[in-house]
PDB file of N, CA and C in Angstrom:
ATOM      1  N   UNK A   1      78.968  86.950 108.859  1.00  0.00           N
ATOM      2  CA  UNK A   1      80.115  87.537 109.033  1.00  0.00           C
ATOM      3  C   UNK A   1      80.018  87.846 106.890  1.00  0.00           C
ATOM      4  N   UNK A   2      80.450  89.044 106.826  1.00  0.00           N
ATOM      5  CA  UNK A   2      80.477  89.669 105.557  1.00  0.00           C
ATOM      6  C   UNK A   2      81.476  88.813 104.858  1.00  0.00           C
ATOM      7  N   UNK A   3      81.289  88.747 103.399  1.00  0.00           N
ATOM      8  CA  UNK A   3      82.240  87.950 102.693  1.00  0.00           C
ATOM      9  C   UNK A   3      83.795  88.507 102.324  1.00  0.00           C
ATOM     10  N   UNK A   4      83.902  89.770 102.319  1.00  0.00           N
ATOM     11  CA  UNK A   4      85.055  90.748 102.391  1.00  0.00           C
ATOM     12  C   UNK A   4      85.866  90.379 103.528  1.00  0.00           C
ATOM     13  N   UNK A   5      85.323  90.163 104.699  1.00  0.00           N
ATOM     14  CA  UNK A   5      86.013  89.858 106.218  1.00  0.00           C
ATOM     15  C   UNK A   5      86.002  88.659 106.217  1.00  0.00           C
ATOM     16  N   UNK A   6      85.381  87.819 105.993  1.00  0.00           N
ATOM     17  CA  UNK A   6      86.382  86.480 105.588  1.00  0.00           C
ATOM     18  C   UNK A   6      86.814  86.026 104.609  1.00  0.00           C
ATOM     19  N   UNK A   7      87.590  86.824 103.625  1.00  0.00           N
ATOM     20  CA  UNK A   7      88.344  86.429 102.628  1.00  0.00           C
ATOM     21  C   UNK A   7      89.588  87.046 103.222  1.00  0.00           C
ATOM     22  N   UNK A   8      89.460  88.071 103.558  1.00  0.00           N
ATOM     23  CA  UNK A   8      90.872  88.473 104.710  1.00  0.00           C
ATOM     24  C   UNK A   8      91.269  87.915 105.460  1.00  0.00           C
ATOM     25  N   UNK A   9      90.547  87.340 106.653  1.00  0.00           N
ATOM     26  CA  UNK A   9      90.966  86.429 107.589  1.00  0.00           C
ATOM     27  C   UNK A   9      91.476  85.138 106.847  1.00  0.00           C
ATOM     28  N   UNK A  10      90.282  84.629 106.134  1.00  0.00           N
ATOM     29  CA  UNK A  10      90.978  83.305 105.056  1.00  0.00           C
ATOM     30  C   UNK A  10      92.216  83.529 104.927  1.00  0.00           C
ATOM     31  N   UNK A  11      92.686  85.091 103.899  1.00  0.00           N
ATOM     32  CA  UNK A  11      94.170  84.375 103.026  1.00  0.00           C
ATOM     33  C   UNK A  11      95.159  84.819 104.733  1.00  0.00           C
ATOM     34  N   UNK A  12      94.638  86.049 105.086  1.00  0.00           N
ATOM     35  CA  UNK A  12      96.017  86.088 106.576  1.00  0.00           C
ATOM     36  C   UNK A  12      96.071  84.979 106.969  1.00  0.00           C
ATOM     37  N   UNK A  13      95.285  83.869 107.464  1.00  0.00           N
ATOM     38  CA  UNK A  13      95.594  82.711 108.177  1.00  0.00           C
ATOM     39  C   UNK A  13      95.880  81.516 107.410  1.00  0.00           C
ATOM     40  N   UNK A  14      95.546  81.491 106.070  1.00  0.00           N
ATOM     41  CA  UNK A  14      96.323  80.415 105.049  1.00  0.00           C
ATOM     42  C   UNK A  14      98.011  80.612 104.874  1.00  0.00           C
ATOM     43  N   UNK A  15      98.119  82.194 104.885  1.00  0.00           N
ATOM     44  CA  UNK A  15      99.511  82.606 104.436  1.00  0.00           C
ATOM     45  C   UNK A  15     100.258  82.361 105.631  1.00  0.00           C
ATOM     46  N   UNK A  16      99.943  83.162 107.082  1.00  0.00           N
ATOM     47  CA  UNK A  16     100.746  83.025 108.060  1.00  0.00           C
ATOM     48  C   UNK A  16     100.518  81.667 108.678  1.00  0.00           C
ATOM     49  N   UNK A  17      99.845  81.081 108.665  1.00  0.00           N
ATOM     50  CA  UNK A  17      99.611  79.822 109.527  1.00  0.00           C
ATOM     51  C   UNK A  17     100.261  78.378 108.893  1.00  0.00           C
ATOM     52  N   UNK A  18      99.392  78.484 107.497  1.00  0.00           N
ATOM     53  CA  UNK A  18     100.308  77.229 106.701  1.00  0.00           C
ATOM     54  C   UNK A  18     101.098  77.579 105.442  1.00  0.00           C
ATOM     55  N   UNK A  19     101.114  78.728 105.675  1.00  0.00           N
ATOM     56  CA  UNK A  19     102.414  78.686 104.759  1.00  0.00           C
ATOM     57  C   UNK A  19     101.996  78.785 103.111  1.00  0.00           C
ATOM     58  N   UNK A  20     100.915  78.755 102.791  1.00  0.00           N
ATOM     59  CA  UNK A  20     100.561  78.793 101.672  1.00  0.00           C
ATOM     60  C   UNK A  20     100.659  80.445 100.789  1.00  0.00           C
ATOM     61  N   UNK A  21     100.982  79.738  99.507  1.00  0.00           N
ATOM     62  CA  UNK A  21     100.960  81.037  98.400  1.00  0.00           C
ATOM     63  C   UNK A  21     100.093  81.818  98.230  1.00  0.00           C
ATOM     64  N   UNK A  22     100.160  82.939  97.375  1.00  0.00           N
ATOM     65  CA  UNK A  22      98.959  83.808  97.266  1.00  0.00           C
ATOM     66  C   UNK A  22      97.889  83.181  96.308  1.00  0.00           C
ATOM     67  N   UNK A  23      98.627  81.697  95.625  1.00  0.00           N
ATOM     68  CA  UNK A  23      97.985  81.467  94.193  1.00  0.00           C
ATOM     69  C   UNK A  23      96.884  80.452  94.912  1.00  0.00           C
ATOM     70  N   UNK A  24      97.869  79.252  95.391  1.00  0.00           N
ATOM     71  CA  UNK A  24      96.757  78.696  96.353  1.00  0.00           C
ATOM     72  C   UNK A  24      95.729  79.272  97.164  1.00  0.00           C
ATOM     73  N   UNK A  25      95.785  80.206  97.905  1.00  0.00           N
ATOM     74  CA  UNK A  25      94.583  81.018  98.626  1.00  0.00           C
ATOM     75  C   UNK A  25      93.852  81.517  97.889  1.00  0.00           C
ATOM     76  N   UNK A  26      94.127  82.181  96.703  1.00  0.00           N
ATOM     77  CA  UNK A  26      93.502  82.913  95.954  1.00  0.00           C
ATOM     78  C   UNK A  26      92.318  81.893  95.267  1.00  0.00           C
ATOM     79  N   UNK A  27      93.110  80.605  94.800  1.00  0.00           N
ATOM     80  CA  UNK A  27      92.131  79.297  94.110  1.00  0.00           C
ATOM     81  C   UNK A  27      91.027  79.000  95.084  1.00  0.00           C
ATOM     82  N   UNK A  28      91.607  78.872  96.450  1.00  0.00           N
ATOM     83  CA  UNK A  28      90.296  78.124  97.241  1.00  0.00           C
ATOM     84  C   UNK A  28      89.590  79.406  97.506  1.00  0.00           C
ATOM     85  N   UNK A  29      90.243  80.563  97.689  1.00  0.00           N
ATOM     86  CA  UNK A  29      88.743  81.189  97.562  1.00  0.00           C
ATOM     87  C   UNK A  29      87.828  81.388  96.588  1.00  0.00           C
ATOM     88  N   UNK A  30      88.206  81.184  95.335  1.00  0.00           N
ATOM     89  CA  UNK A  30      87.180  81.379  94.124  1.00  0.00           C
ATOM     90  C   UNK A  30      86.575  80.018  94.373  1.00  0.00           C
ATOM     91  N   UNK A  31      87.567  79.355  93.795  1.00  0.00           N
ATOM     92  CA  UNK A  31      86.638  77.759  93.677  1.00  0.00           C
ATOM     93  C   UNK A  31      86.199  77.004  95.127  1.00  0.00           C
ATOM     94  N   UNK A  32      86.955  76.885  96.167  1.00  0.00           N
ATOM     95  CA  UNK A  32      86.192  76.219  97.173  1.00  0.00           C
ATOM     96  C   UNK A  32      84.987  77.054  98.011  1.00  0.00           C
ATOM     97  N   UNK A  33      85.414  78.198  97.941  1.00  0.00           N
ATOM     98  CA  UNK A  33      84.328  79.171  98.844  1.00  0.00           C
ATOM     99  C   UNK A  33      83.427  79.847  97.910  1.00  0.00           C
ATOM    100  N   UNK A  34      83.901  79.893  96.731  1.00  0.00           N
ATOM    101  CA  UNK A  34      82.927  80.849  95.731  1.00  0.00           C
ATOM    102  C   UNK A  34      82.942  82.337  95.817  1.00  0.00           C
ATOM    103  N   UNK A  35      83.930  83.054  96.146  1.00  0.00           N
ATOM    104  CA  UNK A  35      84.356  84.508  96.251  1.00  0.00           C
ATOM    105  C   UNK A  35      84.022  84.819  94.940  1.00  0.00           C
ATOM    106  N   UNK A  36      84.032  85.932  94.800  1.00  0.00           N
ATOM    107  CA  UNK A  36      84.597  86.588  93.591  1.00  0.00           C
ATOM    108  C   UNK A  36      85.825  86.824  93.577  1.00  0.00           C
ATOM    109  N   UNK A  37      86.326  87.204  92.584  1.00  0.00           N
ATOM    110  CA  UNK A  37      87.907  87.335  92.068  1.00  0.00           C
ATOM    111  C   UNK A  37      88.338  88.794  92.776  1.00  0.00           C
ATOM    112  N   UNK A  38      87.904  89.857  92.565  1.00  0.00           N
ATOM    113  CA  UNK A  38      87.742  90.873  93.257  1.00  0.00           C
ATOM    114  C   UNK A  38      87.906  90.992  94.488  1.00  0.00           C
ATOM    115  N   UNK A  39      87.283  90.252  95.497  1.00  0.00           N
ATOM    116  CA  UNK A  39      87.218  89.847  96.786  1.00  0.00           C
ATOM    117  C   UNK A  39      88.556  89.374  97.067  1.00  0.00           C
ATOM    118  N   UNK A  40      89.001  88.146  96.153  1.00  0.00           N
ATOM    119  CA  UNK A  40      89.902  87.605  96.675  1.00  0.00           C
ATOM    120  C   UNK A  40      91.372  88.314  96.411  1.00  0.00           C
ATOM    121  N   UNK A  41      91.480  88.976  95.565  1.00  0.00           N
ATOM    122  CA  UNK A  41      92.586  89.826  95.183  1.00  0.00           C
ATOM    123  C   UNK A  41      92.890  90.828  96.352  1.00  0.00           C
ATOM    124  N   UNK A  42      91.666  91.257  96.908  1.00  0.00           N
ATOM    125  CA  UNK A  42      91.804  92.386  97.804  1.00  0.00           C
ATOM    126  C   UNK A  42      91.938  92.173  98.885  1.00  0.00           C
ATOM    127  N   UNK A  43      91.712  90.655  99.230  1.00  0.00           N
ATOM    128  CA  UNK A  43      92.364  89.875 100.523  1.00  0.00           C
ATOM    129  C   UNK A  43      93.798  89.905 100.521  1.00  0.00           C
ATOM    130  N   UNK A  44      94.221  89.097  99.226  1.00  0.00           N
ATOM    131  CA  UNK A  44      95.482  88.548  99.027  1.00  0.00           C
ATOM    132  C   UNK A  44      96.365  90.641  99.198  1.00  0.00           C
ATOM    133  N   UNK A  45      95.880  91.227  98.542  1.00  0.00           N
ATOM    134  CA  UNK A  45      96.585  92.676  98.387  1.00  0.00           C
ATOM    135  C   UNK A  45      96.735  93.007 100.337  1.00  0.00           C
ATOM    136  N   UNK A  46      95.922  92.422 101.226  1.00  0.00           N
ATOM    137  CA  UNK A  46      95.810  93.039 102.338  1.00  0.00           C
ATOM    138  C   UNK A  46      97.003  92.474 103.489  1.00  0.00           C
ATOM    139  N   UNK A  47      97.321  90.952 102.825  1.00  0.00           N
ATOM    140  CA  UNK A  47      98.479  90.698 103.846  1.00  0.00           C
ATOM    141  C   UNK A  47      99.432  91.285 103.352  1.00  0.00           C
ATOM    142  N   UNK A  48      99.764  91.430 101.967  1.00  0.00           N
ATOM    143  CA  UNK A  48     101.427  92.118 101.650  1.00  0.00           C
ATOM    144  C   UNK A  48     102.374  91.027 101.095  1.00  0.00           C
ATOM    145  N   UNK A  49     103.163  91.427 100.683  1.00  0.00           N
ATOM    146  CA  UNK A  49     104.309  91.146 100.079  1.00  0.00           C
ATOM    147  C   UNK A  49     105.204  90.290 101.054  1.00  0.00           C
ATOM    148  N   UNK A  50     105.900  91.380 102.224  1.00  0.00           N
ATOM    149  CA  UNK A  50     106.463  90.584 102.960  1.00  0.00           C
ATOM    150  C   UNK A  50     106.227  89.709 103.967  1.00  0.00           C
ATOM    151  N   UNK A  51     104.548  89.273 104.136  1.00  0.00           N
ATOM    152  CA  UNK A  51     104.068  88.169 105.049  1.00  0.00           C
ATOM    153  C   UNK A  51     104.328  87.303 103.724  1.00  0.00           C
ATOM    154  N   UNK A  52     103.662  87.171 102.591  1.00  0.00           N
ATOM    155  CA  UNK A  52     104.115  85.783 101.635  1.00  0.00           C
ATOM    156  C   UNK A  52     105.990  85.640 101.168  1.00  0.00           C
ATOM    157  N   UNK A  53     106.661  86.533 101.079  1.00  0.00           N
ATOM    158  CA  UNK A  53     108.041  86.374 101.488  1.00  0.00           C
ATOM    159  C   UNK A  53     108.378  85.674 102.523  1.00  0.00           C
ATOM    160  N   UNK A  54     107.545  85.748 104.185  1.00  0.00           N
ATOM    161  CA  UNK A  54     107.905  85.148 105.257  1.00  0.00           C
ATOM    162  C   UNK A  54     107.171  83.859 105.046  1.00  0.00           C
ATOM    163  N   UNK A  55     105.624  83.712 104.116  1.00  0.00           N
ATOM    164  CA  UNK A  55     105.797  82.419 104.419  1.00  0.00           C
ATOM    165  C   UNK A  55     106.627  81.713 103.606  1.00  0.00           C
ATOM    166  N   UNK A  56     106.724  82.142 102.327  1.00  0.00           N
ATOM    167  CA  UNK A  56     107.412  80.793 101.753  1.00  0.00           C
ATOM    168  C   UNK A  56     108.901  80.412 102.397  1.00  0.00           C
ATOM    169  N   UNK A  57     109.912  81.452 103.248  1.00  0.00           N
ATOM    170  CA  UNK A  57     110.746  81.193 103.488  1.00  0.00           C
ATOM    171  C   UNK A  57     110.827  79.979 104.747  1.00  0.00           C
ATOM    172  N   UNK A  58     109.506  80.106 105.719  1.00  0.00           N
ATOM    173  CA  UNK A  58     109.517  78.924 106.464  1.00  0.00           C
ATOM    174  C   UNK A  58     108.875  78.107 105.921  1.00  0.00           C
ATOM    175  N   UNK A  59     108.253  77.885 104.893  1.00  0.00           N
ATOM    176  CA  UNK A  59     107.756  77.014 103.671  1.00  0.00           C
ATOM    177  C   UNK A  59     109.004  75.913 103.527  1.00  0.00           C
ATOM    178  N   UNK A  60     110.058  76.905 102.893  1.00  0.00           N
ATOM    179  CA  UNK A  60     111.449  76.032 102.510  1.00  0.00           C
ATOM    180  C   UNK A  60     112.189  75.642 103.384  1.00  0.00           C
ATOM    181  N   UNK A  61     112.436  76.207 104.572  1.00  0.00           N
ATOM    182  CA  UNK A  61     112.696  76.069 105.764  1.00  0.00           C
ATOM    183  C   UNK A  61     112.499  74.474 106.309  1.00  0.00           C
ATOM    184  N   UNK A  62     110.329  74.584 106.776  1.00  0.00           N
ATOM    185  CA  UNK A  62     110.270  73.170 106.886  1.00  0.00           C
ATOM    186  C   UNK A  62     110.601  72.265 105.522  1.00  0.00           C
ATOM    187  N   UNK A  63     110.570  72.328 104.566  1.00  0.00           N
ATOM    188  CA  UNK A  63     110.522  71.145 103.547  1.00  0.00           C
ATOM    189  C   UNK A  63     112.350  70.890 103.631  1.00  0.00           C
ATOM    190  N   UNK A  64     112.919  71.701 103.409  1.00  0.00           N
ATOM    191  CA  UNK A  64     114.398  71.386 103.718  1.00  0.00           C
ATOM    192  C   UNK A  64     114.651  70.788 104.927  1.00  0.00           C
ATOM    193  N   UNK A  65     114.328  70.684 105.939  1.00  0.00           N
ATOM    194  CA  UNK A  65     114.197  70.166 107.706  1.00  0.00           C
ATOM    195  C   UNK A  65     114.321  69.066 107.499  1.00  0.00           C
ATOM    196  N   UNK A  66     113.371  68.424 106.617  1.00  0.00           N
ATOM    197  CA  UNK A  66     112.944  67.171 106.361  1.00  0.00           C
ATOM    198  C   UNK A  66     113.521  65.967 105.553  1.00  0.00           C
ATOM    199  N   UNK A  67     114.435  66.611 104.724  1.00  0.00           N
ATOM    200  CA  UNK A  67     115.204  66.084 103.827  1.00  0.00           C
ATOM    201  C   UNK A  67     116.771  65.896 103.638  1.00  0.00           C
ATOM    202  N   UNK A  68     117.229  64.797 103.452  1.00  0.00           N
ATOM    203  CA  UNK A  68     118.487  64.525 103.811  1.00  0.00           C
ATOM    204  C   UNK A  68     119.656  65.875 102.823  1.00  0.00           C
ATOM    205  N   UNK A  69     118.803  65.652 101.425  1.00  0.00           N
ATOM    206  CA  UNK A  69     119.769  65.922 100.608  1.00  0.00           C
ATOM    207  C   UNK A  69     118.826  67.511 100.242  1.00  0.00           C
ATOM    208  N   UNK A  70     120.080  68.080  99.696  1.00  0.00           N
ATOM    209  CA  UNK A  70     119.235  69.853  99.625  1.00  0.00           C
ATOM    210  C   UNK A  70     119.112  69.591  97.816  1.00  0.00           C
ATOM    211  N   UNK A  71     118.367  69.848  97.416  1.00  0.00           N
ATOM    212  CA  UNK A  71     118.040  69.547  96.198  1.00  0.00           C
ATOM    213  C   UNK A  71     117.252  70.685  95.660  1.00  0.00           C
ATOM    214  N   UNK A  72     117.554  71.889  95.220  1.00  0.00           N
ATOM    215  CA  UNK A  72     116.766  73.424  95.152  1.00  0.00           C
ATOM    216  C   UNK A  72     115.961  73.343  94.162  1.00  0.00           C
ATOM    217  N   UNK A  73     115.965  72.478  93.206  1.00  0.00           N
ATOM    218  CA  UNK A  73     114.760  72.253  91.829  1.00  0.00           C
ATOM    219  C   UNK A  73     113.323  71.747  92.585  1.00  0.00           C
ATOM    220  N   UNK A  74     113.605  70.422  93.533  1.00  0.00           N
ATOM    221  CA  UNK A  74     112.367  69.812  94.284  1.00  0.00           C
ATOM    222  C   UNK A  74     112.333  70.884  94.980  1.00  0.00           C
ATOM    223  N   UNK A  75     113.143  71.502  96.132  1.00  0.00           N
ATOM    224  CA  UNK A  75     112.443  72.487  96.983  1.00  0.00           C
ATOM    225  C   UNK A  75     112.038  73.472  96.199  1.00  0.00           C
ATOM    226  N   UNK A  76     112.400  74.189  95.105  1.00  0.00           N
ATOM    227  CA  UNK A  76     111.399  75.447  94.653  1.00  0.00           C
ATOM    228  C   UNK A  76     110.041  74.758  93.788  1.00  0.00           C
ATOM    229  N   UNK A  77     110.093  73.749  93.511  1.00  0.00           N
ATOM    230  CA  UNK A  77     108.757  72.982  93.053  1.00  0.00           C
ATOM    231  C   UNK A  77     107.723  72.326  93.924  1.00  0.00           C
ATOM    232  N   UNK A  78     108.108  72.323  95.349  1.00  0.00           N
ATOM    233  CA  UNK A  78     107.255  72.446  96.609  1.00  0.00           C
ATOM    234  C   UNK A  78     106.600  73.050  96.929  1.00  0.00           C
ATOM    235  N   UNK A  79     107.670  74.500  96.623  1.00  0.00           N
ATOM    236  CA  UNK A  79     106.759  75.875  97.224  1.00  0.00           C
ATOM    237  C   UNK A  79     106.022  76.277  95.802  1.00  0.00           C
ATOM    238  N   UNK A  80     106.252  75.975  94.213  1.00  0.00           N
ATOM    239  CA  UNK A  80     105.567  76.440  93.459  1.00  0.00           C
ATOM    240  C   UNK A  80     104.148  75.307  93.553  1.00  0.00           C
ATOM    241  N   UNK A  81     104.183  74.226  93.852  1.00  0.00           N
ATOM    242  CA  UNK A  81     103.231  73.645  94.441  1.00  0.00           C
ATOM    243  C   UNK A  81     102.285  73.873  95.392  1.00  0.00           C
ATOM    244  N   UNK A  82     102.674  74.917  96.443  1.00  0.00           N
ATOM    245  CA  UNK A  82     102.137  75.670  97.613  1.00  0.00           C
ATOM    246  C   UNK A  82     101.241  76.695  97.274  1.00  0.00           C
ATOM    247  N   UNK A  83     101.452  77.185  95.944  1.00  0.00           N
ATOM    248  CA  UNK A  83     101.161  78.453  95.601  1.00  0.00           C
ATOM    249  C   UNK A  83     102.025  79.997  95.276  1.00  0.00           C
ATOM    250  N   UNK A  84     103.417  79.745  95.643  1.00  0.00           N
ATOM    251  CA  UNK A  84     104.219  80.391  95.233  1.00  0.00           C
ATOM    252  C   UNK A  84     104.721  81.105  94.105  1.00  0.00           C
ATOM    253  N   UNK A  85     104.714  82.213  93.171  1.00  0.00           N
ATOM    254  CA  UNK A  85     105.714  82.581  92.413  1.00  0.00           C
ATOM    255  C   UNK A  85     107.181  81.591  92.412  1.00  0.00           C
ATOM    256  N   UNK A  86     107.754  81.856  91.136  1.00  0.00           N
ATOM    257  CA  UNK A  86     108.500  81.089  91.001  1.00  0.00           C
ATOM    258  C   UNK A  86     109.905  82.430  91.841  1.00  0.00           C
ATOM    259  N   UNK A  87     109.918  83.329  91.887  1.00  0.00           N
ATOM    260  CA  UNK A  87     110.703  84.209  92.050  1.00  0.00           C
ATOM    261  C   UNK A  87     110.737  84.286  93.441  1.00  0.00           C
ATOM    262  N   UNK A  88     109.695  84.176  94.295  1.00  0.00           N
ATOM    263  CA  UNK A  88     109.686  84.223  95.665  1.00  0.00           C
ATOM    264  C   UNK A  88     110.050  82.721  96.151  1.00  0.00           C
ATOM    265  N   UNK A  89     109.746  81.602  95.466  1.00  0.00           N
ATOM    266  CA  UNK A  89     110.410  80.742  95.340  1.00  0.00           C
ATOM    267  C   UNK A  89     111.497  80.152  95.487  1.00  0.00           C
ATOM    268  N   UNK A  90     112.145  80.539  94.499  1.00  0.00           N
ATOM    269  CA  UNK A  90     113.952  80.360  94.304  1.00  0.00           C
ATOM    270  C   UNK A  90     114.348  81.295  95.198  1.00  0.00           C
ATOM    271  N   UNK A  91     113.642  82.582  95.744  1.00  0.00           N
ATOM    272  CA  UNK A  91     114.702  83.564  96.706  1.00  0.00           C
ATOM    273  C   UNK A  91     114.406  82.664  98.290  1.00  0.00           C
ATOM    274  N   UNK A  92     113.027  82.267  98.186  1.00  0.00           N
ATOM    275  CA  UNK A  92     113.400  81.718  99.440  1.00  0.00           C
ATOM    276  C   UNK A  92     114.009  80.463  99.800  1.00  0.00           C
ATOM    277  N   UNK A  93     113.799  79.287  98.857  1.00  0.00           N
ATOM    278  CA  UNK A  93     114.825  78.158  98.662  1.00  0.00           C
ATOM    279  C   UNK A  93     116.731  78.702  99.239  1.00  0.00           C
ATOM    280  N   UNK A  94     117.051  79.843  98.437  1.00  0.00           N
ATOM    281  CA  UNK A  94     118.339  80.683  98.657  1.00  0.00           C
ATOM    282  C   UNK A  94     118.843  80.537 100.181  1.00  0.00           C
ATOM    283  N   UNK A  95     117.687  81.711 100.897  1.00  0.00           N
ATOM    284  CA  UNK A  95     117.778  82.111 101.996  1.00  0.00           C
ATOM    285  C   UNK A  95     117.178  80.771 103.087  1.00  0.00           C
ATOM    286  N   UNK A  96     116.780  79.416 102.434  1.00  0.00           N
ATOM    287  CA  UNK A  96     116.520  78.670 103.421  1.00  0.00           C
ATOM    288  C   UNK A  96     118.112  77.584 103.551  1.00  0.00           C
ATOM    289  N   UNK A  97     118.459  78.155 102.168  1.00  0.00           N
ATOM    290  CA  UNK A  97     119.894  76.818 102.543  1.00  0.00           C
ATOM    291  C   UNK A  97     121.030  78.025 103.050  1.00  0.00           C
ATOM    292  N   UNK A  98     121.273  78.871 102.449  1.00  0.00           N
ATOM    293  CA  UNK A  98     122.667  79.626 103.624  1.00  0.00           C
ATOM    294  C   UNK A  98     121.969  80.107 104.796  1.00  0.00           C
ATOM    295  N   UNK A  99     120.499  79.640 105.378  1.00  0.00           N
ATOM    296  CA  UNK A  99     120.172  80.124 106.908  1.00  0.00           C
ATOM    297  C   UNK A  99     121.087  78.394 107.635  1.00  0.00           C
TER     298      UNK A  99
END
């Protein structure tokens, strides 16, 4: 399997199945798998922003479901640790609370 194909499959799987954010996927591709930054960036571009936002929402819903109290700051911090941007995490937490 070539590196570009692996990067695309890895990025897609981690975002869609494990609800990882783009930063965490990029770091894993670069540091764990030793791929070039351009390959990692191209793989993330293939996934698309809509899919990333959906993953952030799923992650926020999951995080809030197992907590008895709703603490927006802690929920956003959890999503930041998963590799989402602050804007994406904030929108996802707001949407999950409203849902």
